[in-house]
Amino acid sequence: MSVENKIKIKSWARRAGAVLLTVLANMTASSTSMRVRLT
């Protein structure tokens, strides 16, 4: 493993983590809004 590959993997993992966090936040927000609508 070269240093460049490690840096690329780190940046890619960070980007994927950010996307996952935003998707999770959107899912929780939509689920809470749906709960509010149901009640």
C-alpha atoms as a PDB file:
ATOM      1  CA  MET A   1       0.000   0.000   0.000  1.00  0.00           C
ATOM      2  CA  SER A   2       1.463   3.328  -1.020  1.00  0.00           C
ATOM      3  CA  VAL A   3       0.890   6.541   0.887  1.00  0.00           C
ATOM      4  CA  GLU A   4      -1.185   7.952  -1.973  1.00  0.00           C
ATOM      5  CA  ASN A   5      -3.570   5.000  -1.854  1.00  0.00           C
ATOM      6  CA  LYS A   6      -3.961   5.387   1.906  1.00  0.00           C
ATOM      7  CA  ILE A   7      -4.765   9.083   1.535  1.00  0.00           C
ATOM      8  CA  LYS A   8      -7.252   8.330  -1.247  1.00  0.00           C
ATOM      9  CA  ILE A   9      -8.978   5.664   0.852  1.00  0.00           C
ATOM     10  CA  LYS A  10      -9.104   7.999   3.846  1.00  0.00           C
ATOM     11  CA  SER A  11     -10.682  10.838   1.846  1.00  0.00           C
ATOM     12  CA  TRP A  12     -13.123   8.423   0.184  1.00  0.00           C
ATOM     13  CA  ALA A  13     -14.108   6.934   3.546  1.00  0.00           C
ATOM     14  CA  ARG A  14     -14.620  10.403   4.998  1.00  0.00           C
ATOM     15  CA  ARG A  15     -16.825  11.366   2.042  1.00  0.00           C
ATOM     16  CA  ALA A  16     -18.827   8.133   2.328  1.00  0.00           C
ATOM     17  CA  GLY A  17     -19.235   8.699   6.075  1.00  0.00           C
ATOM     18  CA  ALA A  18     -20.546  12.213   5.498  1.00  0.00           C
ATOM     19  CA  VAL A  19     -23.045  10.937   2.920  1.00  0.00           C
ATOM     20  CA  LEU A  20     -24.184   8.200   5.302  1.00  0.00           C
ATOM     21  CA  LEU A  21     -24.626  10.740   8.103  1.00  0.00           C
ATOM     22  CA  THR A  22     -26.731  13.031   5.905  1.00  0.00           C
ATOM     23  CA  VAL A  23     -28.877  10.107   4.722  1.00  0.00           C
ATOM     24  CA  LEU A  24     -29.386   8.960   8.316  1.00  0.00           C
ATOM     25  CA  ALA A  25     -30.300  12.505   9.378  1.00  0.00           C
ATOM     26  CA  ASN A  26     -32.798  12.797   6.513  1.00  0.00           C
ATOM     27  CA  MET A  27     -34.327   9.414   7.382  1.00  0.00           C
ATOM     28  CA  THR A  28     -34.716  10.298  11.066  1.00  0.00           C
ATOM     29  CA  ALA A  29     -36.181  13.708  10.201  1.00  0.00           C
ATOM     30  CA  SER A  30     -38.692  12.199   7.762  1.00  0.00           C
ATOM     31  CA  SER A  31     -39.659   9.457  10.235  1.00  0.00           C
ATOM     32  CA  THR A  32     -40.219  11.990  13.028  1.00  0.00           C
ATOM     33  CA  SER A  33     -42.303  14.214  10.725  1.00  0.00           C
ATOM     34  CA  MET A  34     -44.355  11.172   9.692  1.00  0.00           C
ATOM     35  CA  ARG A  35     -44.919  10.330  13.362  1.00  0.00           C
ATOM     36  CA  VAL A  36     -46.071  13.885  13.990  1.00  0.00           C
ATOM     37  CA  ARG A  37     -48.493  13.619  11.067  1.00  0.00           C
ATOM     38  CA  LEU A  38     -49.855  10.271  12.288  1.00  0.00           C
ATOM     39  CA  THR A  39     -50.570  11.546  15.794  1.00  0.00           C
END
